[in-house]
N, C-alpha and C. Protein backbone atom coordinates (compact mmCIF):
# COMPACT_ATOMS: atom_id res chain seq x y z
N MET A 1 -29.92 -40.19 -20.77
CA MET A 1 -30.10 -39.09 -21.52
C MET A 1 -31.05 -38.05 -21.22
N SER A 2 -31.16 -36.86 -21.12
CA SER A 2 -31.92 -35.86 -20.83
C SER A 2 -33.43 -35.59 -21.77
N LEU A 3 -34.42 -35.30 -21.27
CA LEU A 3 -35.56 -35.39 -22.05
C LEU A 3 -35.56 -34.03 -22.85
N ALA A 4 -34.94 -33.00 -22.28
CA ALA A 4 -34.66 -31.90 -23.16
C ALA A 4 -33.80 -32.32 -24.37
N TYR A 5 -32.69 -33.19 -24.45
CA TYR A 5 -31.76 -33.55 -25.44
C TYR A 5 -32.89 -34.05 -26.50
N SER A 6 -33.88 -35.08 -26.10
CA SER A 6 -34.66 -35.53 -26.92
C SER A 6 -35.68 -34.80 -27.57
N ARG A 7 -36.03 -33.91 -26.91
CA ARG A 7 -37.17 -33.01 -27.30
C ARG A 7 -36.63 -31.97 -28.39
N TYR A 8 -35.53 -31.35 -27.96
CA TYR A 8 -34.87 -30.40 -29.07
C TYR A 8 -34.46 -31.23 -30.39
N ALA A 9 -33.94 -32.37 -30.11
CA ALA A 9 -33.52 -33.34 -31.04
C ALA A 9 -34.70 -33.53 -32.27
N GLU A 10 -35.57 -34.02 -31.41
CA GLU A 10 -36.85 -34.40 -32.39
C GLU A 10 -37.26 -33.09 -33.23
N ALA A 11 -37.42 -31.85 -32.58
CA ALA A 11 -37.97 -30.93 -33.39
C ALA A 11 -36.84 -30.55 -34.30
N PHE A 12 -35.72 -30.56 -34.08
CA PHE A 12 -34.35 -30.34 -35.20
C PHE A 12 -34.64 -31.25 -36.35
N ILE A 13 -34.61 -32.75 -36.04
CA ILE A 13 -34.83 -33.58 -36.90
C ILE A 13 -36.40 -33.64 -37.73
N ASP A 14 -37.36 -32.93 -37.22
CA ASP A 14 -38.43 -33.10 -37.76
C ASP A 14 -38.28 -31.99 -38.84
N LEU A 15 -37.76 -30.67 -38.60
CA LEU A 15 -37.34 -29.40 -39.57
C LEU A 15 -36.45 -30.07 -40.44
N ALA A 16 -35.40 -30.76 -40.31
CA ALA A 16 -34.62 -31.15 -41.14
C ALA A 16 -35.14 -32.05 -42.34
N ALA A 17 -36.10 -32.91 -41.68
CA ALA A 17 -37.05 -33.76 -42.74
C ALA A 17 -37.85 -33.30 -43.38
N GLU A 18 -38.33 -32.13 -42.86
CA GLU A 18 -39.52 -31.42 -43.53
C GLU A 18 -38.68 -30.54 -44.65
N ARG A 19 -37.44 -30.31 -44.64
CA ARG A 19 -36.74 -29.64 -45.58
C ARG A 19 -36.14 -30.64 -46.34
N ASN A 20 -36.05 -31.83 -46.17
CA ASN A 20 -35.50 -33.07 -46.99
C ASN A 20 -34.39 -33.01 -47.04
N ASP A 21 -33.44 -32.67 -45.90
CA ASP A 21 -32.17 -32.07 -45.92
C ASP A 21 -31.48 -32.69 -44.65
N LEU A 22 -31.49 -34.04 -44.13
CA LEU A 22 -31.00 -34.53 -42.85
C LEU A 22 -29.53 -34.29 -42.94
N ASP A 23 -28.93 -34.63 -43.90
CA ASP A 23 -27.61 -34.40 -43.69
C ASP A 23 -26.94 -33.26 -43.75
N GLY A 24 -27.46 -32.29 -44.66
CA GLY A 24 -26.99 -30.79 -44.58
C GLY A 24 -27.18 -30.23 -43.22
N TYR A 25 -28.46 -30.46 -42.67
CA TYR A 25 -28.83 -29.99 -41.39
C TYR A 25 -27.99 -30.56 -40.08
N LEU A 26 -27.68 -31.88 -40.29
CA LEU A 26 -26.68 -32.30 -39.07
C LEU A 26 -25.26 -31.90 -39.55
N ASP A 27 -25.00 -31.64 -40.71
CA ASP A 27 -23.53 -31.19 -40.94
C ASP A 27 -23.40 -29.65 -40.17
N ASP A 28 -24.39 -28.96 -40.56
CA ASP A 28 -24.50 -27.61 -40.01
C ASP A 28 -24.36 -27.70 -38.58
N LEU A 29 -25.28 -28.59 -37.93
CA LEU A 29 -25.16 -28.50 -36.40
C LEU A 29 -23.91 -28.81 -35.97
N THR A 30 -23.38 -29.93 -36.66
CA THR A 30 -21.82 -30.43 -36.20
C THR A 30 -21.02 -29.24 -36.18
N SER A 31 -21.08 -28.52 -37.16
CA SER A 31 -20.21 -27.51 -37.30
C SER A 31 -20.50 -26.25 -36.33
N VAL A 32 -21.78 -26.32 -35.79
CA VAL A 32 -22.09 -25.11 -35.02
C VAL A 32 -21.28 -25.63 -33.62
N ASN A 33 -21.47 -27.30 -33.06
CA ASN A 33 -21.30 -27.67 -32.07
C ASN A 33 -19.67 -27.48 -31.96
N ALA A 34 -19.08 -27.64 -33.14
CA ALA A 34 -17.31 -27.42 -33.17
C ALA A 34 -17.06 -26.05 -32.77
N ILE A 35 -17.90 -25.23 -33.32
CA ILE A 35 -17.62 -23.59 -33.35
C ILE A 35 -17.79 -23.37 -31.69
N CYS A 36 -18.75 -23.81 -31.30
CA CYS A 36 -19.36 -23.58 -29.97
C CYS A 36 -18.49 -23.99 -28.56
N SER A 37 -17.60 -25.09 -29.33
CA SER A 37 -16.93 -25.79 -28.05
C SER A 37 -15.40 -25.12 -28.06
N ASP A 38 -15.27 -23.83 -28.91
CA ASP A 38 -14.11 -23.22 -28.47
C ASP A 38 -14.04 -22.61 -27.13
N LYS A 39 -13.37 -22.75 -26.53
CA LYS A 39 -13.20 -22.26 -24.85
C LYS A 39 -13.83 -20.86 -24.67
N THR A 40 -13.06 -20.02 -25.50
CA THR A 40 -13.46 -18.60 -24.97
C THR A 40 -15.00 -18.27 -25.54
N LEU A 41 -15.28 -18.94 -26.66
CA LEU A 41 -16.92 -18.51 -27.10
C LEU A 41 -17.73 -19.33 -26.04
N ASN A 42 -17.20 -20.77 -25.75
CA ASN A 42 -18.39 -21.22 -24.81
C ASN A 42 -18.00 -20.52 -23.40
N MET A 43 -17.25 -20.04 -23.03
CA MET A 43 -17.19 -19.31 -21.60
C MET A 43 -18.31 -18.09 -21.81
N LEU A 44 -18.34 -17.34 -22.91
CA LEU A 44 -19.38 -16.25 -23.21
C LEU A 44 -20.62 -16.64 -23.18
N LEU A 45 -20.92 -17.81 -23.93
CA LEU A 45 -22.44 -18.36 -24.08
C LEU A 45 -22.96 -18.87 -22.79
N ILE A 46 -21.97 -19.49 -21.83
CA ILE A 46 -22.49 -19.80 -20.69
C ILE A 46 -22.62 -18.92 -19.56
N ASN A 47 -22.06 -17.44 -19.79
CA ASN A 47 -21.75 -16.65 -18.82
C ASN A 47 -23.04 -15.92 -18.44
N PRO A 48 -23.64 -16.23 -17.15
CA PRO A 48 -24.78 -15.33 -16.84
C PRO A 48 -24.87 -13.89 -16.96
N GLU A 49 -23.80 -13.46 -16.77
CA GLU A 49 -23.64 -11.85 -16.52
C GLU A 49 -23.62 -11.36 -18.07
N VAL A 50 -23.40 -12.37 -18.98
CA VAL A 50 -23.44 -11.66 -20.51
C VAL A 50 -24.98 -11.61 -20.86
N SER A 51 -25.60 -10.60 -21.49
CA SER A 51 -26.99 -10.69 -21.71
C SER A 51 -27.20 -11.67 -22.76
N LYS A 52 -28.47 -12.31 -22.88
CA LYS A 52 -29.03 -13.16 -23.90
C LYS A 52 -28.87 -12.29 -25.48
N SER A 53 -29.07 -11.20 -25.31
CA SER A 53 -29.22 -10.39 -26.72
C SER A 53 -27.49 -10.29 -27.43
N GLU A 54 -26.80 -10.10 -26.27
CA GLU A 54 -25.23 -10.04 -26.79
C GLU A 54 -24.78 -11.37 -26.94
N ARG A 55 -25.15 -12.52 -26.11
CA ARG A 55 -24.77 -13.84 -26.83
C ARG A 55 -25.39 -14.15 -28.35
N LYS A 56 -26.69 -13.83 -28.26
CA LYS A 56 -27.14 -13.92 -29.64
C LYS A 56 -26.45 -13.36 -30.87
N ASN A 57 -26.04 -12.17 -30.47
CA ASN A 57 -25.32 -11.19 -31.32
C ASN A 57 -24.09 -11.95 -31.91
N VAL A 58 -23.42 -11.88 -30.75
CA VAL A 58 -22.04 -12.81 -31.10
C VAL A 58 -22.32 -14.17 -31.98
N LEU A 59 -23.13 -14.85 -31.59
CA LEU A 59 -23.51 -16.18 -32.30
C LEU A 59 -23.96 -15.88 -33.60
N SER A 60 -24.94 -14.97 -33.99
CA SER A 60 -25.19 -14.76 -35.10
C SER A 60 -23.88 -14.07 -36.28
N GLY A 61 -23.18 -13.46 -35.38
CA GLY A 61 -22.00 -12.86 -36.22
C GLY A 61 -21.09 -13.99 -36.73
N VAL A 62 -20.85 -14.76 -35.54
CA VAL A 62 -19.88 -16.10 -35.94
C VAL A 62 -20.66 -16.97 -36.91
N LEU A 63 -21.65 -17.23 -36.88
CA LEU A 63 -22.38 -18.27 -37.79
C LEU A 63 -23.20 -18.00 -39.22
N LYS A 64 -23.38 -16.52 -39.05
CA LYS A 64 -24.02 -16.13 -40.51
C LYS A 64 -23.39 -16.24 -41.37
N GLY A 65 -24.01 -17.04 -42.47
CA GLY A 65 -23.38 -17.45 -43.74
C GLY A 65 -22.66 -18.78 -43.90
N LYS A 66 -22.27 -19.43 -42.68
CA LYS A 66 -21.69 -20.74 -42.42
C LYS A 66 -22.67 -21.82 -42.05
N VAL A 67 -23.96 -21.47 -41.67
CA VAL A 67 -24.97 -22.48 -41.68
C VAL A 67 -26.35 -22.06 -42.15
N ARG A 68 -27.20 -22.72 -42.29
CA ARG A 68 -28.40 -22.63 -42.67
C ARG A 68 -29.25 -21.64 -41.72
N GLN A 69 -30.01 -20.93 -42.34
CA GLN A 69 -30.75 -19.80 -41.63
C GLN A 69 -31.59 -20.61 -40.35
N GLU A 70 -32.27 -21.60 -40.61
CA GLU A 70 -32.99 -22.58 -39.58
C GLU A 70 -32.15 -22.74 -38.62
N VAL A 71 -30.93 -23.57 -38.91
CA VAL A 71 -30.09 -23.94 -38.06
C VAL A 71 -29.41 -22.82 -37.12
N LEU A 72 -29.27 -21.65 -37.70
CA LEU A 72 -28.99 -20.52 -36.85
C LEU A 72 -30.36 -19.81 -35.95
N ASN A 73 -31.51 -20.20 -36.60
CA ASN A 73 -32.46 -19.87 -35.61
C ASN A 73 -32.57 -20.82 -34.45
N PHE A 74 -32.24 -21.98 -34.87
CA PHE A 74 -32.48 -23.22 -33.62
C PHE A 74 -31.50 -22.78 -32.62
N VAL A 75 -30.39 -22.56 -32.89
CA VAL A 75 -29.11 -22.26 -32.00
C VAL A 75 -29.51 -20.84 -31.19
N LEU A 76 -30.15 -19.88 -31.78
CA LEU A 76 -30.51 -18.65 -31.05
C LEU A 76 -31.69 -19.11 -30.09
N LEU A 77 -32.68 -19.77 -30.34
CA LEU A 77 -33.58 -20.42 -29.56
C LEU A 77 -33.03 -21.06 -28.44
N LEU A 78 -31.94 -21.85 -28.46
CA LEU A 78 -31.50 -22.72 -27.61
C LEU A 78 -30.79 -21.41 -26.39
N THR A 79 -30.24 -20.56 -27.13
CA THR A 79 -29.47 -19.41 -26.30
C THR A 79 -30.67 -18.60 -25.56
N ASP A 80 -31.74 -18.40 -26.36
CA ASP A 80 -32.88 -17.54 -25.80
C ASP A 80 -33.52 -18.42 -24.42
N LYS A 81 -33.57 -19.91 -24.48
CA LYS A 81 -34.14 -20.81 -23.41
C LYS A 81 -32.82 -21.04 -22.58
N GLU A 82 -31.51 -20.75 -22.62
CA GLU A 82 -30.61 -20.98 -21.79
C GLU A 82 -30.25 -22.39 -21.85
N ARG A 83 -30.43 -22.94 -23.22
CA ARG A 83 -29.97 -24.46 -23.26
C ARG A 83 -28.94 -24.60 -24.13
N ILE A 84 -28.33 -23.55 -24.54
CA ILE A 84 -27.10 -23.52 -25.55
C ILE A 84 -25.99 -24.64 -24.75
N GLY A 85 -25.98 -24.92 -23.38
CA GLY A 85 -25.18 -25.93 -22.97
C GLY A 85 -25.47 -27.34 -23.42
N LEU A 86 -26.76 -27.49 -23.82
CA LEU A 86 -27.16 -28.78 -24.11
C LEU A 86 -26.74 -29.30 -25.66
N LEU A 87 -26.19 -28.30 -26.24
CA LEU A 87 -25.84 -28.56 -27.69
C LEU A 87 -25.23 -29.87 -28.11
N PRO A 88 -24.12 -30.13 -27.45
CA PRO A 88 -23.44 -31.57 -27.51
C PRO A 88 -24.46 -32.57 -27.49
N GLY A 89 -25.24 -32.58 -26.39
CA GLY A 89 -26.00 -33.73 -26.27
C GLY A 89 -27.29 -33.89 -27.43
N ILE A 90 -27.98 -32.51 -27.47
CA ILE A 90 -28.78 -32.55 -28.69
C ILE A 90 -28.28 -32.69 -30.13
N LEU A 91 -27.00 -32.75 -30.43
CA LEU A 91 -26.46 -33.28 -31.63
C LEU A 91 -26.38 -34.75 -31.48
N ARG A 92 -25.98 -35.26 -30.40
CA ARG A 92 -25.64 -36.52 -30.49
C ARG A 92 -27.12 -37.52 -30.45
N GLU A 93 -28.17 -36.83 -30.10
CA GLU A 93 -29.53 -37.36 -30.02
C GLU A 93 -29.91 -37.09 -31.46
N SER A 94 -29.47 -36.03 -32.06
CA SER A 94 -30.33 -35.68 -33.49
C SER A 94 -29.54 -36.84 -34.44
N VAL A 95 -28.29 -37.10 -34.19
CA VAL A 95 -27.75 -38.17 -34.91
C VAL A 95 -28.19 -39.47 -34.94
N ARG A 96 -28.61 -39.64 -33.55
CA ARG A 96 -29.22 -40.98 -33.43
C ARG A 96 -30.82 -41.11 -33.80
N LEU A 97 -31.39 -40.23 -33.85
CA LEU A 97 -32.66 -40.12 -34.59
C LEU A 97 -32.72 -40.28 -36.17
N ALA A 98 -31.77 -39.40 -36.59
CA ALA A 98 -31.76 -39.27 -38.03
C ALA A 98 -31.32 -40.83 -38.67
N ASN A 99 -30.53 -41.70 -37.91
CA ASN A 99 -30.06 -42.89 -38.06
C ASN A 99 -31.17 -43.66 -38.16
N GLU A 100 -32.02 -43.65 -37.14
CA GLU A 100 -33.07 -44.53 -36.89
C GLU A 100 -34.28 -44.22 -38.08
N ARG A 101 -34.30 -42.92 -38.40
CA ARG A 101 -35.35 -42.63 -39.37
C ARG A 101 -34.71 -43.26 -40.94
N ARG A 102 -33.51 -43.34 -40.79
CA ARG A 102 -32.97 -44.10 -41.93
C ARG A 102 -32.64 -45.37 -42.04
N LYS A 103 -32.89 -45.99 -40.64
CA LYS A 103 -32.58 -47.47 -40.61
C LYS A 103 -31.37 -47.56 -40.48
N ILE A 104 -30.40 -46.89 -39.93
CA ILE A 104 -29.05 -47.17 -39.93
C ILE A 104 -28.91 -47.15 -38.53
N MET A 105 -28.22 -48.55 -38.34
CA MET A 105 -27.93 -48.94 -36.98
C MET A 105 -26.32 -48.73 -36.64
N ASP A 106 -26.14 -48.16 -35.24
CA ASP A 106 -24.91 -47.97 -34.60
C ASP A 106 -24.65 -49.43 -33.89
N ILE A 107 -23.65 -50.13 -34.16
CA ILE A 107 -23.18 -51.16 -33.20
C ILE A 107 -21.82 -51.05 -32.64
N THR A 108 -21.50 -51.60 -31.73
CA THR A 108 -20.33 -51.72 -31.09
C THR A 108 -19.96 -53.08 -30.78
N ILE A 109 -18.60 -53.59 -31.32
CA ILE A 109 -18.44 -54.95 -31.20
C ILE A 109 -17.25 -55.08 -30.34
N TYR A 110 -17.13 -55.72 -29.08
CA TYR A 110 -16.17 -55.77 -28.25
C TYR A 110 -15.46 -57.31 -28.47
N THR A 111 -14.14 -57.18 -28.49
CA THR A 111 -13.62 -58.38 -28.85
C THR A 111 -12.29 -58.47 -27.92
N ALA A 112 -12.03 -59.47 -27.59
CA ALA A 112 -10.53 -59.74 -26.56
C ALA A 112 -9.50 -59.66 -27.60
N PHE A 113 -9.61 -60.16 -28.99
CA PHE A 113 -8.38 -60.10 -29.63
C PHE A 113 -9.10 -59.38 -31.16
N PRO A 114 -7.71 -58.91 -31.80
CA PRO A 114 -8.37 -58.21 -32.92
C PRO A 114 -8.96 -59.36 -33.98
N ILE A 115 -10.27 -58.77 -34.75
CA ILE A 115 -10.76 -59.84 -35.83
C ILE A 115 -10.77 -59.29 -37.23
N GLY A 116 -10.86 -59.85 -37.97
CA GLY A 116 -10.74 -59.43 -39.45
C GLY A 116 -12.29 -58.98 -40.01
N HIS A 117 -12.00 -58.17 -41.29
CA HIS A 117 -12.99 -57.70 -41.83
C HIS A 117 -13.90 -58.73 -42.14
N ASP A 118 -13.91 -59.98 -42.48
CA ASP A 118 -14.74 -61.01 -42.90
C ASP A 118 -15.60 -61.16 -41.63
N GLN A 119 -15.06 -61.25 -40.56
CA GLN A 119 -15.64 -61.55 -39.15
C GLN A 119 -16.88 -60.38 -38.82
N ILE A 120 -16.04 -59.13 -38.98
CA ILE A 120 -17.04 -58.18 -38.70
C ILE A 120 -18.25 -58.04 -39.62
N ASP A 121 -17.84 -58.40 -40.93
CA ASP A 121 -18.95 -58.23 -41.87
C ASP A 121 -20.09 -59.54 -41.75
N THR A 122 -19.83 -60.46 -41.12
CA THR A 122 -20.75 -61.66 -40.77
C THR A 122 -21.52 -61.22 -39.45
N ILE A 123 -20.93 -60.56 -38.68
CA ILE A 123 -21.36 -60.24 -37.63
C ILE A 123 -22.56 -59.09 -37.59
N CYS A 124 -21.80 -58.08 -38.51
CA CYS A 124 -22.67 -56.83 -39.19
C CYS A 124 -24.04 -57.37 -40.00
N GLY A 125 -24.01 -58.54 -40.81
CA GLY A 125 -24.80 -59.18 -41.66
C GLY A 125 -26.07 -59.51 -40.74
N LYS A 126 -25.72 -60.32 -39.57
CA LYS A 126 -26.59 -61.24 -38.86
C LYS A 126 -27.41 -59.99 -38.29
N PHE A 127 -27.08 -59.03 -37.77
CA PHE A 127 -27.63 -58.22 -37.07
C PHE A 127 -28.40 -57.38 -37.82
N LYS A 128 -27.87 -56.92 -39.07
CA LYS A 128 -28.67 -56.05 -40.10
C LYS A 128 -29.87 -56.86 -40.41
N LYS A 129 -29.86 -57.94 -40.77
CA LYS A 129 -31.00 -58.97 -41.07
C LYS A 129 -32.02 -59.14 -39.76
N MET A 130 -31.35 -59.22 -38.52
CA MET A 130 -32.12 -59.52 -37.54
C MET A 130 -33.01 -58.23 -37.15
N ASN A 131 -32.57 -57.10 -37.45
CA ASN A 131 -32.97 -55.77 -37.27
C ASN A 131 -33.89 -55.11 -38.33
N ASP A 132 -33.83 -55.67 -39.65
CA ASP A 132 -34.22 -55.13 -40.86
C ASP A 132 -33.48 -53.64 -40.95
N ALA A 133 -32.21 -53.57 -40.92
CA ALA A 133 -31.69 -52.36 -41.06
C ALA A 133 -31.44 -52.32 -42.31
N ALA A 134 -31.12 -50.76 -42.86
CA ALA A 134 -30.63 -50.51 -44.13
C ALA A 134 -29.18 -50.52 -44.35
N ASP A 135 -28.58 -50.17 -43.08
CA ASP A 135 -27.17 -50.07 -42.99
C ASP A 135 -26.81 -50.22 -41.77
N ILE A 136 -25.21 -50.36 -41.56
CA ILE A 136 -24.74 -50.54 -40.03
C ILE A 136 -23.48 -49.90 -39.95
N LYS A 137 -23.40 -48.89 -38.85
CA LYS A 137 -22.00 -48.36 -38.73
C LYS A 137 -21.43 -49.00 -37.52
N VAL A 138 -20.31 -49.45 -37.61
CA VAL A 138 -19.86 -50.52 -36.58
C VAL A 138 -18.46 -49.95 -35.86
N ASP A 139 -18.38 -49.96 -35.04
CA ASP A 139 -17.22 -49.71 -34.19
C ASP A 139 -16.57 -50.83 -33.43
N VAL A 140 -15.57 -51.10 -33.56
CA VAL A 140 -15.01 -52.38 -32.96
C VAL A 140 -13.93 -51.78 -32.01
N LYS A 141 -13.91 -52.57 -30.51
CA LYS A 141 -13.32 -52.20 -29.43
C LYS A 141 -12.58 -53.51 -29.01
N LEU A 142 -11.34 -53.23 -28.49
CA LEU A 142 -10.72 -54.30 -27.88
C LEU A 142 -10.90 -54.44 -26.37
N ASP A 143 -11.33 -55.49 -25.97
CA ASP A 143 -11.55 -55.48 -24.40
C ASP A 143 -10.88 -57.03 -24.06
N PRO A 144 -9.56 -56.82 -23.78
CA PRO A 144 -8.96 -58.17 -23.13
C PRO A 144 -9.71 -59.00 -22.10
N SER A 145 -10.53 -58.01 -21.25
CA SER A 145 -11.17 -58.88 -20.07
C SER A 145 -12.34 -59.98 -20.33
N LEU A 146 -12.60 -59.87 -21.78
CA LEU A 146 -13.47 -60.85 -22.17
C LEU A 146 -12.77 -62.08 -22.49
N ILE A 147 -11.95 -62.36 -22.60
CA ILE A 147 -11.08 -63.50 -22.62
C ILE A 147 -11.21 -63.96 -24.05
N GLY A 148 -12.35 -64.25 -24.60
CA GLY A 148 -12.39 -64.41 -25.97
C GLY A 148 -14.16 -64.44 -26.28
N GLY A 149 -14.42 -64.65 -27.60
CA GLY A 149 -15.45 -64.51 -28.04
C GLY A 149 -15.86 -62.93 -28.33
N VAL A 150 -17.19 -62.46 -28.35
CA VAL A 150 -17.40 -61.38 -28.94
C VAL A 150 -18.79 -60.81 -27.80
N LYS A 151 -18.61 -59.37 -27.75
CA LYS A 151 -19.99 -58.75 -27.11
C LYS A 151 -20.44 -57.54 -28.16
N VAL A 152 -21.60 -57.77 -28.30
CA VAL A 152 -22.21 -56.96 -29.54
C VAL A 152 -23.19 -55.87 -28.43
N VAL A 153 -22.87 -54.34 -28.82
CA VAL A 153 -23.75 -53.42 -28.08
C VAL A 153 -24.48 -52.56 -28.97
N ILE A 154 -25.81 -52.68 -29.25
CA ILE A 154 -26.90 -51.71 -30.02
C ILE A 154 -27.67 -51.10 -29.20
N GLY A 155 -27.27 -49.76 -28.82
CA GLY A 155 -27.96 -48.91 -28.06
C GLY A 155 -28.16 -49.42 -26.59
N ASP A 156 -29.16 -49.80 -26.17
CA ASP A 156 -29.24 -50.36 -24.71
C ASP A 156 -29.01 -51.95 -24.64
N LYS A 157 -28.97 -52.57 -25.66
CA LYS A 157 -29.22 -54.02 -25.74
C LYS A 157 -27.82 -54.49 -25.74
N VAL A 158 -27.58 -55.47 -25.23
CA VAL A 158 -26.18 -56.25 -25.09
C VAL A 158 -26.43 -57.75 -25.41
N TYR A 159 -25.87 -58.05 -26.48
CA TYR A 159 -25.61 -59.52 -26.77
C TYR A 159 -24.12 -60.22 -26.68
N ASP A 160 -24.08 -60.82 -25.32
CA ASP A 160 -22.75 -60.97 -24.93
C ASP A 160 -22.56 -62.61 -25.13
N GLY A 161 -21.74 -63.05 -26.12
CA GLY A 161 -21.02 -64.25 -26.38
C GLY A 161 -19.66 -64.47 -25.81
N SER A 162 -19.49 -63.49 -24.91
CA SER A 162 -17.98 -63.79 -24.58
C SER A 162 -17.88 -64.86 -23.52
N VAL A 163 -16.43 -65.32 -23.37
CA VAL A 163 -15.96 -66.46 -22.71
C VAL A 163 -16.06 -66.04 -21.18
N LYS A 164 -15.85 -64.60 -21.06
CA LYS A 164 -16.05 -63.95 -19.71
C LYS A 164 -17.43 -64.21 -19.16
N LYS A 165 -18.25 -63.84 -19.89
CA LYS A 165 -19.85 -64.13 -19.39
C LYS A 165 -20.21 -65.58 -19.36
N LYS A 166 -19.59 -66.67 -20.06
CA LYS A 166 -20.06 -67.87 -20.12
C LYS A 166 -19.30 -68.24 -18.63
N LEU A 167 -18.27 -67.89 -18.51
CA LEU A 167 -17.50 -68.39 -17.09
C LEU A 167 -18.21 -67.95 -15.79
N ALA A 168 -19.03 -66.77 -15.96
CA ALA A 168 -19.78 -66.09 -14.85
C ALA A 168 -20.94 -66.88 -14.75
N GLY A 169 -21.63 -67.34 -15.98
CA GLY A 169 -22.83 -68.36 -15.66
C GLY A 169 -22.49 -69.49 -15.14
N LEU A 170 -21.19 -70.26 -15.39
CA LEU A 170 -20.81 -71.25 -14.78
C LEU A 170 -20.70 -71.32 -13.33
N ARG A 171 -19.99 -70.18 -12.85
CA ARG A 171 -19.91 -70.07 -11.52
C ARG A 171 -21.12 -69.86 -10.75
N LYS A 172 -22.12 -69.26 -11.40
CA LYS A 172 -23.16 -68.82 -10.79
C LYS A 172 -24.10 -70.20 -10.71
N ASN A 173 -24.01 -71.06 -11.72
CA ASN A 173 -24.82 -72.61 -11.31
C ASN A 173 -24.05 -73.34 -10.55
N MET A 174 -22.95 -73.17 -10.56
CA MET A 174 -22.02 -74.10 -9.18
C MET A 174 -22.39 -73.73 -8.13
N VAL A 175 -22.57 -72.36 -7.68
CA VAL A 175 -22.74 -71.88 -6.49
C VAL A 175 -24.32 -72.18 -6.14
N ASP A 176 -25.20 -72.02 -7.07
CA ASP A 176 -26.61 -72.16 -6.92
C ASP A 176 -26.81 -73.70 -6.53
N GLN A 177 -26.00 -75.02 -7.08
CA GLN A 177 -26.12 -75.93 -6.66
C GLN A 177 -25.82 -76.45 -5.46
N GLN A 178 -24.81 -75.59 -4.84
CA GLN A 178 -24.25 -76.15 -3.35
C GLN A 178 -25.32 -75.84 -2.29
């Protein structure tokens, strides 16, 4: 993750928190990101031959009345600083920071086979309690290479209880003993 992503995201989330409207500001930034991802508009926004003032005028015209004025000002600042291309990363980091402030965890559960809601709830409950989280957003992905068991990823932490991991550990122990 870029330092620029985190600095702009922190400033954005601080502004949203100051206005006591994290969800509204994030919704607006998500809308701006979707609008700016239009191929034609995106090409205009990153084209160095188009002046900053022209880019800002286009953005103002497209976004005026669709997003909060503070969000528009934020996007215009990104344009001024030649950072508008960082918007998708800033949005991702802003969502992560907002979830962190609200004690909402994003976890990904990898399994070799589909698992039921009861199993997902059990796994989520353990990690919710372990991390003192208010809520958990879960994404379940199938990974047949795990053979069995589960692997849970939370941010940069990996909790691997898969058969694949256990077999790799056994192999390592057997090689070390020779």
